[in-house]
PDB file of N, CA and C in Angstrom:
ATOM      1  N   UNK A   1     -34.719 -18.490   4.996  1.00  0.00           N
ATOM      2  CA  UNK A   1     -33.567 -17.769   4.504  1.00  0.00           C
ATOM      3  C   UNK A   1     -33.316 -16.578   5.434  1.00  0.00           C
ATOM      4  N   UNK A   2     -32.072 -16.465   5.905  1.00  0.00           N
ATOM      5  CA  UNK A   2     -31.711 -15.381   6.803  1.00  0.00           C
ATOM      6  C   UNK A   2     -30.948 -14.335   6.003  1.00  0.00           C
ATOM      7  N   UNK A   3     -31.410 -13.095   6.079  1.00  0.00           N
ATOM      8  CA  UNK A   3     -30.738 -11.988   5.417  1.00  0.00           C
ATOM      9  C   UNK A   3     -29.862 -11.286   6.450  1.00  0.00           C
ATOM     10  N   UNK A   4     -28.654 -10.967   6.062  1.00  0.00           N
ATOM     11  CA  UNK A   4     -27.767 -10.249   6.980  1.00  0.00           C
ATOM     12  C   UNK A   4     -26.963  -9.228   6.202  1.00  0.00           C
ATOM     13  N   UNK A   5     -26.489  -8.237   6.937  1.00  0.00           N
ATOM     14  CA  UNK A   5     -25.696  -7.193   6.312  1.00  0.00           C
ATOM     15  C   UNK A   5     -24.301  -7.673   5.954  1.00  0.00           C
ATOM     16  N   UNK A   6     -23.606  -6.860   5.210  1.00  0.00           N
ATOM     17  CA  UNK A   6     -22.261  -7.207   4.737  1.00  0.00           C
ATOM     18  C   UNK A   6     -21.300  -7.415   5.906  1.00  0.00           C
ATOM     19  N   UNK A   7     -21.346  -6.539   6.914  1.00  0.00           N
ATOM     20  CA  UNK A   7     -20.439  -6.653   8.063  1.00  0.00           C
ATOM     21  C   UNK A   7     -20.644  -7.964   8.805  1.00  0.00           C
ATOM     22  N   UNK A   8     -21.900  -8.336   9.022  1.00  0.00           N
ATOM     23  CA  UNK A   8     -22.187  -9.588   9.721  1.00  0.00           C
ATOM     24  C   UNK A   8     -21.708 -10.785   8.898  1.00  0.00           C
ATOM     25  N   UNK A   9     -21.918 -10.721   7.600  1.00  0.00           N
ATOM     26  CA  UNK A   9     -21.493 -11.822   6.724  1.00  0.00           C
ATOM     27  C   UNK A   9     -19.969 -11.955   6.734  1.00  0.00           C
ATOM     28  N   UNK A  10     -19.264 -10.822   6.683  1.00  0.00           N
ATOM     29  CA  UNK A  10     -17.806 -10.863   6.694  1.00  0.00           C
ATOM     30  C   UNK A  10     -17.287 -11.411   8.014  1.00  0.00           C
ATOM     31  N   UNK A  11     -17.941 -11.039   9.129  1.00  0.00           N
ATOM     32  CA  UNK A  11     -17.541 -11.575  10.428  1.00  0.00           C
ATOM     33  C   UNK A  11     -17.709 -13.082  10.453  1.00  0.00           C
ATOM     34  N   UNK A  12     -18.828 -13.549   9.926  1.00  0.00           N
ATOM     35  CA  UNK A  12     -19.116 -14.984   9.922  1.00  0.00           C
ATOM     36  C   UNK A  12     -18.133 -15.735   9.027  1.00  0.00           C
ATOM     37  N   UNK A  13     -17.751 -15.109   7.918  1.00  0.00           N
ATOM     38  CA  UNK A  13     -16.862 -15.769   6.969  1.00  0.00           C
ATOM     39  C   UNK A  13     -15.400 -15.696   7.384  1.00  0.00           C
ATOM     40  N   UNK A  14     -15.091 -14.800   8.322  1.00  0.00           N
ATOM     41  CA  UNK A  14     -13.703 -14.642   8.764  1.00  0.00           C
ATOM     42  C   UNK A  14     -13.245 -15.917   9.461  1.00  0.00           C
ATOM     43  N   UNK A  15     -12.117 -16.412   9.057  1.00  0.00           N
ATOM     44  CA  UNK A  15     -11.588 -17.647   9.635  1.00  0.00           C
ATOM     45  C   UNK A  15     -10.376 -17.329  10.490  1.00  0.00           C
ATOM     46  N   UNK A  16     -10.181 -18.110  11.492  1.00  0.00           N
ATOM     47  CA  UNK A  16      -9.023 -17.960  12.358  1.00  0.00           C
ATOM     48  C   UNK A  16      -7.796 -18.450  11.587  1.00  0.00           C
ATOM     49  N   UNK A  17      -6.730 -17.675  11.639  1.00  0.00           N
ATOM     50  CA  UNK A  17      -5.526 -18.074  10.910  1.00  0.00           C
ATOM     51  C   UNK A  17      -4.876 -19.267  11.607  1.00  0.00           C
ATOM     52  N   UNK A  18      -4.282 -20.108  10.820  1.00  0.00           N
ATOM     53  CA  UNK A  18      -3.663 -21.307  11.370  1.00  0.00           C
ATOM     54  C   UNK A  18      -2.293 -20.976  11.954  1.00  0.00           C
ATOM     55  N   UNK A  19      -1.756 -21.848  12.823  1.00  0.00           N
ATOM     56  CA  UNK A  19      -0.405 -21.618  13.359  1.00  0.00           C
ATOM     57  C   UNK A  19       0.644 -21.544  12.253  1.00  0.00           C
ATOM     58  N   UNK A  20       0.390 -22.214  11.133  1.00  0.00           N
ATOM     59  CA  UNK A  20       1.325 -22.156  10.011  1.00  0.00           C
ATOM     60  C   UNK A  20       1.444 -20.718   9.514  1.00  0.00           C
ATOM     61  N   UNK A  21       0.319 -20.024   9.377  1.00  0.00           N
ATOM     62  CA  UNK A  21       0.356 -18.632   8.931  1.00  0.00           C
ATOM     63  C   UNK A  21       1.119 -17.765   9.919  1.00  0.00           C
ATOM     64  N   UNK A  22       0.941 -18.014  11.212  1.00  0.00           N
ATOM     65  CA  UNK A  22       1.654 -17.257  12.227  1.00  0.00           C
ATOM     66  C   UNK A  22       3.162 -17.476  12.091  1.00  0.00           C
ATOM     67  N   UNK A  23       3.561 -18.718  11.884  1.00  0.00           N
ATOM     68  CA  UNK A  23       4.984 -19.026  11.714  1.00  0.00           C
ATOM     69  C   UNK A  23       5.530 -18.379  10.445  1.00  0.00           C
ATOM     70  N   UNK A  24       4.740 -18.380   9.395  1.00  0.00           N
ATOM     71  CA  UNK A  24       5.174 -17.765   8.149  1.00  0.00           C
ATOM     72  C   UNK A  24       5.344 -16.256   8.327  1.00  0.00           C
ATOM     73  N   UNK A  25       4.431 -15.627   9.042  1.00  0.00           N
ATOM     74  CA  UNK A  25       4.530 -14.189   9.270  1.00  0.00           C
ATOM     75  C   UNK A  25       5.739 -13.863  10.150  1.00  0.00           C
ATOM     76  N   UNK A  26       6.008 -14.677  11.146  1.00  0.00           N
ATOM     77  CA  UNK A  26       7.186 -14.454  11.991  1.00  0.00           C
ATOM     78  C   UNK A  26       8.458 -14.561  11.164  1.00  0.00           C
ATOM     79  N   UNK A  27       8.521 -15.563  10.289  1.00  0.00           N
ATOM     80  CA  UNK A  27       9.691 -15.734   9.428  1.00  0.00           C
ATOM     81  C   UNK A  27       9.822 -14.559   8.462  1.00  0.00           C
ATOM     82  N   UNK A  28       8.699 -14.126   7.900  1.00  0.00           N
ATOM     83  CA  UNK A  28       8.731 -12.990   6.978  1.00  0.00           C
ATOM     84  C   UNK A  28       9.223 -11.744   7.695  1.00  0.00           C
ATOM     85  N   UNK A  29       8.694 -11.480   8.897  1.00  0.00           N
ATOM     86  CA  UNK A  29       9.118 -10.307   9.670  1.00  0.00           C
ATOM     87  C   UNK A  29      10.602 -10.371  10.011  1.00  0.00           C
ATOM     88  N   UNK A  30      11.070 -11.548  10.385  1.00  0.00           N
ATOM     89  CA  UNK A  30      12.492 -11.709  10.707  1.00  0.00           C
ATOM     90  C   UNK A  30      13.355 -11.383   9.487  1.00  0.00           C
ATOM     91  N   UNK A  31      12.959 -11.880   8.327  1.00  0.00           N
ATOM     92  CA  UNK A  31      13.689 -11.593   7.096  1.00  0.00           C
ATOM     93  C   UNK A  31      13.602 -10.127   6.708  1.00  0.00           C
ATOM     94  N   UNK A  32      12.432  -9.531   6.900  1.00  0.00           N
ATOM     95  CA  UNK A  32      12.251  -8.113   6.579  1.00  0.00           C
ATOM     96  C   UNK A  32      13.172  -7.254   7.431  1.00  0.00           C
ATOM     97  N   UNK A  33      13.227  -7.526   8.736  1.00  0.00           N
ATOM     98  CA  UNK A  33      14.068  -6.724   9.621  1.00  0.00           C
ATOM     99  C   UNK A  33      15.557  -6.947   9.340  1.00  0.00           C
ATOM    100  N   UNK A  34      15.928  -8.164   8.988  1.00  0.00           N
ATOM    101  CA  UNK A  34      17.324  -8.420   8.620  1.00  0.00           C
ATOM    102  C   UNK A  34      17.680  -7.648   7.356  1.00  0.00           C
ATOM    103  N   UNK A  35      16.774  -7.642   6.384  1.00  0.00           N
ATOM    104  CA  UNK A  35      17.005  -6.895   5.153  1.00  0.00           C
ATOM    105  C   UNK A  35      17.061  -5.391   5.401  1.00  0.00           C
ATOM    106  N   UNK A  36      16.203  -4.904   6.295  1.00  0.00           N
ATOM    107  CA  UNK A  36      16.207  -3.481   6.637  1.00  0.00           C
ATOM    108  C   UNK A  36      17.527  -3.086   7.278  1.00  0.00           C
ATOM    109  N   UNK A  37      18.021  -3.936   8.152  1.00  0.00           N
ATOM    110  CA  UNK A  37      19.296  -3.660   8.826  1.00  0.00           C
ATOM    111  C   UNK A  37      20.434  -3.597   7.808  1.00  0.00           C
ATOM    112  N   UNK A  38      20.452  -4.558   6.882  1.00  0.00           N
ATOM    113  CA  UNK A  38      21.486  -4.586   5.849  1.00  0.00           C
ATOM    114  C   UNK A  38      21.399  -3.358   4.954  1.00  0.00           C
ATOM    115  N   UNK A  39      20.181  -2.962   4.588  1.00  0.00           N
ATOM    116  CA  UNK A  39      20.008  -1.788   3.738  1.00  0.00           C
ATOM    117  C   UNK A  39      20.481  -0.527   4.445  1.00  0.00           C
ATOM    118  N   UNK A  40      20.186  -0.421   5.734  1.00  0.00           N
ATOM    119  CA  UNK A  40      20.627   0.743   6.512  1.00  0.00           C
ATOM    120  C   UNK A  40      22.149   0.829   6.530  1.00  0.00           C
ATOM    121  N   UNK A  41      22.816  -0.313   6.744  1.00  0.00           N
ATOM    122  CA  UNK A  41      24.279  -0.331   6.754  1.00  0.00           C
ATOM    123  C   UNK A  41      24.843   0.070   5.396  1.00  0.00           C
ATOM    124  N   UNK A  42      24.242  -0.424   4.328  1.00  0.00           N
ATOM    125  CA  UNK A  42      24.683  -0.083   2.977  1.00  0.00           C
ATOM    126  C   UNK A  42      24.484   1.405   2.708  1.00  0.00           C
ATOM    127  N   UNK A  43      23.345   1.940   3.124  1.00  0.00           N
ATOM    128  CA  UNK A  43      23.073   3.369   2.931  1.00  0.00           C
ATOM    129  C   UNK A  43      24.095   4.225   3.670  1.00  0.00           C
ATOM    130  N   UNK A  44      24.408   3.846   4.894  1.00  0.00           N
ATOM    131  CA  UNK A  44      25.385   4.602   5.684  1.00  0.00           C
ATOM    132  C   UNK A  44      26.749   4.575   5.005  1.00  0.00           C
ATOM    133  N   UNK A  45      27.152   3.412   4.500  1.00  0.00           N
ATOM    134  CA  UNK A  45      28.430   3.303   3.772  1.00  0.00           C
ATOM    135  C   UNK A  45      28.460   4.250   2.579  1.00  0.00           C
ATOM    136  N   UNK A  46      27.372   4.273   1.811  1.00  0.00           N
ATOM    137  CA  UNK A  46      27.311   5.117   0.622  1.00  0.00           C
ATOM    138  C   UNK A  46      27.377   6.601   0.984  1.00  0.00           C
ATOM    139  N   UNK A  47      26.676   6.990   2.023  1.00  0.00           N
ATOM    140  CA  UNK A  47      26.692   8.394   2.439  1.00  0.00           C
ATOM    141  C   UNK A  47      28.078   8.783   2.931  1.00  0.00           C
ATOM    142  N   UNK A  48      28.729   7.900   3.668  1.00  0.00           N
ATOM    143  CA  UNK A  48      30.072   8.206   4.166  1.00  0.00           C
ATOM    144  C   UNK A  48      31.059   8.332   3.006  1.00  0.00           C
ATOM    145  N   UNK A  49      30.918   7.506   1.970  1.00  0.00           N
ATOM    146  CA  UNK A  49      31.769   7.631   0.781  1.00  0.00           C
ATOM    147  C   UNK A  49      31.523   8.977   0.098  1.00  0.00           C
ATOM    148  N   UNK A  50      30.255   9.370   0.018  1.00  0.00           N
ATOM    149  CA  UNK A  50      29.914  10.646  -0.603  1.00  0.00           C
ATOM    150  C   UNK A  50      30.499  11.805   0.201  1.00  0.00           C
ATOM    151  N   UNK A  51      30.367  11.738   1.523  1.00  0.00           N
ATOM    152  CA  UNK A  51      30.916  12.803   2.366  1.00  0.00           C
ATOM    153  C   UNK A  51      32.441  12.871   2.265  1.00  0.00           C
ATOM    154  N   UNK A  52      33.089  11.731   2.100  1.00  0.00           N
ATOM    155  CA  UNK A  52      34.549  11.700   1.996  1.00  0.00           C
ATOM    156  C   UNK A  52      35.047  12.301   0.679  1.00  0.00           C
ATOM    157  N   UNK A  53      34.189  12.306  -0.343  1.00  0.00           N
ATOM    158  CA  UNK A  53      34.630  12.789  -1.651  1.00  0.00           C
ATOM    159  C   UNK A  53      34.065  14.170  -2.006  1.00  0.00           C
ATOM    160  N   UNK A  54      33.666  14.934  -1.026  1.00  0.00           N
ATOM    161  CA  UNK A  54      33.077  16.255  -1.302  1.00  0.00           C
ATOM    162  C   UNK A  54      34.041  17.199  -2.007  1.00  0.00           C
ATOM    163  N   UNK A  55      35.329  17.115  -1.653  1.00  0.00           N
ATOM    164  CA  UNK A  55      36.305  18.032  -2.251  1.00  0.00           C
ATOM    165  C   UNK A  55      36.460  17.823  -3.752  1.00  0.00           C
ATOM    166  N   UNK A  56      36.037  16.684  -4.267  1.00  0.00           N
ATOM    167  CA  UNK A  56      36.133  16.408  -5.700  1.00  0.00           C
ATOM    168  C   UNK A  56      35.109  17.199  -6.507  1.00  0.00           C
ATOM    169  N   UNK A  57      34.109  17.747  -5.845  1.00  0.00           N
ATOM    170  CA  UNK A  57      33.080  18.527  -6.525  1.00  0.00           C
ATOM    171  C   UNK A  57      33.624  19.931  -6.771  1.00  0.00           C
ATOM    172  N   UNK A  58      33.591  20.400  -8.025  1.00  0.00           N
ATOM    173  CA  UNK A  58      34.112  21.738  -8.318  1.00  0.00           C
ATOM    174  C   UNK A  58      33.398  22.803  -7.481  1.00  0.00           C
ATOM    175  N   UNK A  59      34.184  23.674  -6.878  1.00  0.00           N
ATOM    176  CA  UNK A  59      33.623  24.752  -6.080  1.00  0.00           C
ATOM    177  C   UNK A  59      33.530  24.453  -4.589  1.00  0.00           C
ATOM    178  N   UNK A  60      33.817  23.217  -4.204  1.00  0.00           N
ATOM    179  CA  UNK A  60      33.788  22.860  -2.785  1.00  0.00           C
ATOM    180  C   UNK A  60      35.214  22.599  -2.337  1.00  0.00           C
ATOM    181  N   UNK A  61      35.675  23.446  -1.449  1.00  0.00           N
ATOM    182  CA  UNK A  61      37.022  23.296  -0.913  1.00  0.00           C
ATOM    183  C   UNK A  61      37.003  22.548   0.411  1.00  0.00           C
ATOM    184  N   UNK A  62      38.152  22.513   1.041  1.00  0.00           N
ATOM    185  CA  UNK A  62      38.293  21.769   2.294  1.00  0.00           C
ATOM    186  C   UNK A  62      37.408  22.351   3.395  1.00  0.00           C
ATOM    187  N   UNK A  63      37.387  23.673   3.502  1.00  0.00           N
ATOM    188  CA  UNK A  63      36.613  24.325   4.557  1.00  0.00           C
ATOM    189  C   UNK A  63      35.110  24.068   4.375  1.00  0.00           C
ATOM    190  N   UNK A  64      34.606  24.244   3.154  1.00  0.00           N
ATOM    191  CA  UNK A  64      33.175  24.018   2.884  1.00  0.00           C
ATOM    192  C   UNK A  64      32.814  22.547   3.097  1.00  0.00           C
ATOM    193  N   UNK A  65      33.693  21.642   2.696  1.00  0.00           N
ATOM    194  CA  UNK A  65      33.439  20.211   2.894  1.00  0.00           C
ATOM    195  C   UNK A  65      33.327  19.890   4.386  1.00  0.00           C
ATOM    196  N   UNK A  66      34.203  20.482   5.196  1.00  0.00           N
ATOM    197  CA  UNK A  66      34.123  20.258   6.648  1.00  0.00           C
ATOM    198  C   UNK A  66      32.815  20.783   7.220  1.00  0.00           C
ATOM    199  N   UNK A  67      32.356  21.945   6.736  1.00  0.00           N
ATOM    200  CA  UNK A  67      31.091  22.503   7.203  1.00  0.00           C
ATOM    201  C   UNK A  67      29.915  21.598   6.833  1.00  0.00           C
ATOM    202  N   UNK A  68      29.928  21.073   5.613  1.00  0.00           N
ATOM    203  CA  UNK A  68      28.859  20.172   5.160  1.00  0.00           C
ATOM    204  C   UNK A  68      28.859  18.906   6.006  1.00  0.00           C
ATOM    205  N   UNK A  69      30.039  18.325   6.202  1.00  0.00           N
ATOM    206  CA  UNK A  69      30.131  17.102   7.022  1.00  0.00           C
ATOM    207  C   UNK A  69      29.631  17.356   8.443  1.00  0.00           C
ATOM    208  N   UNK A  70      30.074  18.456   9.037  1.00  0.00           N
ATOM    209  CA  UNK A  70      29.682  18.775  10.416  1.00  0.00           C
ATOM    210  C   UNK A  70      28.166  18.946  10.505  1.00  0.00           C
ATOM    211  N   UNK A  71      27.603  19.686   9.557  1.00  0.00           N
ATOM    212  CA  UNK A  71      26.154  19.905   9.559  1.00  0.00           C
ATOM    213  C   UNK A  71      25.410  18.577   9.408  1.00  0.00           C
ATOM    214  N   UNK A  72      25.842  17.766   8.458  1.00  0.00           N
ATOM    215  CA  UNK A  72      25.183  16.479   8.216  1.00  0.00           C
ATOM    216  C   UNK A  72      25.256  15.583   9.451  1.00  0.00           C
ATOM    217  N   UNK A  73      26.442  15.456  10.033  1.00  0.00           N
ATOM    218  CA  UNK A  73      26.611  14.575  11.188  1.00  0.00           C
ATOM    219  C   UNK A  73      25.894  15.117  12.425  1.00  0.00           C
ATOM    220  N   UNK A  74      25.839  16.446  12.581  1.00  0.00           N
ATOM    221  CA  UNK A  74      25.064  17.020  13.685  1.00  0.00           C
ATOM    222  C   UNK A  74      23.585  16.702  13.525  1.00  0.00           C
ATOM    223  N   UNK A  75      23.098  16.860  12.304  1.00  0.00           N
ATOM    224  CA  UNK A  75      21.670  16.650  12.049  1.00  0.00           C
ATOM    225  C   UNK A  75      21.276  15.186  12.196  1.00  0.00           C
ATOM    226  N   UNK A  76      22.015  14.272  11.577  1.00  0.00           N
ATOM    227  CA  UNK A  76      21.652  12.868  11.597  1.00  0.00           C
ATOM    228  C   UNK A  76      22.261  12.115  12.770  1.00  0.00           C
ATOM    229  N   UNK A  77      23.305  12.649  13.361  1.00  0.00           N
ATOM    230  CA  UNK A  77      23.944  11.970  14.487  1.00  0.00           C
ATOM    231  C   UNK A  77      23.225  12.172  15.804  1.00  0.00           C
ATOM    232  N   UNK A  78      22.280  13.108  15.855  1.00  0.00           N
ATOM    233  CA  UNK A  78      21.561  13.395  17.095  1.00  0.00           C
ATOM    234  C   UNK A  78      20.088  13.057  16.968  1.00  0.00           C
ATOM    235  N   UNK A  79      19.777  11.943  16.371  1.00  0.00           N
ATOM    236  CA  UNK A  79      18.387  11.553  16.243  1.00  0.00           C
ATOM    237  C   UNK A  79      17.566  12.498  15.379  1.00  0.00           C
ATOM    238  N   UNK A  80      18.210  13.087  14.378  1.00  0.00           N
ATOM    239  CA  UNK A  80      17.560  13.988  13.427  1.00  0.00           C
ATOM    240  C   UNK A  80      16.972  15.227  14.093  1.00  0.00           C
ATOM    241  N   UNK A  81      17.578  15.663  15.167  1.00  0.00           N
ATOM    242  CA  UNK A  81      17.142  16.897  15.811  1.00  0.00           C
ATOM    243  C   UNK A  81      18.160  17.974  15.489  1.00  0.00           C
ATOM    244  N   UNK A  82      17.706  19.037  14.906  1.00  0.00           N
ATOM    245  CA  UNK A  82      18.606  20.153  14.599  1.00  0.00           C
ATOM    246  C   UNK A  82      18.983  20.862  15.881  1.00  0.00           C
ATOM    247  N   UNK A  83      20.245  21.218  15.950  1.00  0.00           N
ATOM    248  CA  UNK A  83      20.694  22.010  17.088  1.00  0.00           C
ATOM    249  C   UNK A  83      20.449  23.473  16.750  1.00  0.00           C
ATOM    250  N   UNK A  84      19.709  24.137  17.586  1.00  0.00           N
ATOM    251  CA  UNK A  84      19.386  25.541  17.353  1.00  0.00           C
ATOM    252  C   UNK A  84      20.533  26.404  17.867  1.00  0.00           C
ATOM    253  N   UNK A  85      21.006  27.260  17.000  1.00  0.00           N
ATOM    254  CA  UNK A  85      22.097  28.152  17.360  1.00  0.00           C
ATOM    255  C   UNK A  85      21.603  29.158  18.392  1.00  0.00           C
ATOM    256  N   UNK A  86      22.467  29.450  19.367  1.00  0.00           N
ATOM    257  CA  UNK A  86      22.093  30.393  20.411  1.00  0.00           C
ATOM    258  C   UNK A  86      22.513  31.817  20.058  1.00  0.00           C
ATOM    259  N   UNK A  87      22.991  32.016  18.841  1.00  0.00           N
ATOM    260  CA  UNK A  87      23.377  33.356  18.385  1.00  0.00           C
ATOM    261  C   UNK A  87      22.133  34.190  18.143  1.00  0.00           C
ATOM    262  N   UNK A  88      22.249  35.461  18.434  1.00  0.00           N
ATOM    263  CA  UNK A  88      21.142  36.384  18.154  1.00  0.00           C
ATOM    264  C   UNK A  88      21.116  36.662  16.667  1.00  0.00           C
ATOM    265  N   UNK A  89      19.922  36.793  16.081  1.00  0.00           N
ATOM    266  CA  UNK A  89      19.843  37.087  14.640  1.00  0.00           C
ATOM    267  C   UNK A  89      20.429  38.456  14.347  1.00  0.00           C
ATOM    268  N   UNK A  90      21.048  38.563  13.160  1.00  0.00           N
ATOM    269  CA  UNK A  90      21.695  39.837  12.769  1.00  0.00           C
ATOM    270  C   UNK A  90      20.696  40.816  12.253  1.00  0.00           C
TER     271      UNK A  90
END
């Protein structure tokens, strides 16, 4: 009887995955990325609808809505990097 540690036993019991599993994982990944792309497009549509209707919120006028839109699009339109203002602090 040969005694071995848990790691050695797990290595011995590990089986090579079949080509079928590889094909299934490729198909799953393809579907996942397609779903991610669709979700991203849907999210963008929803955010754009929200930005378009800012003036409907009590207390937000045209000028404030433009500032919110500009800030949002600057922040998310540039790879999520905030643009640092070059103004000196007051």
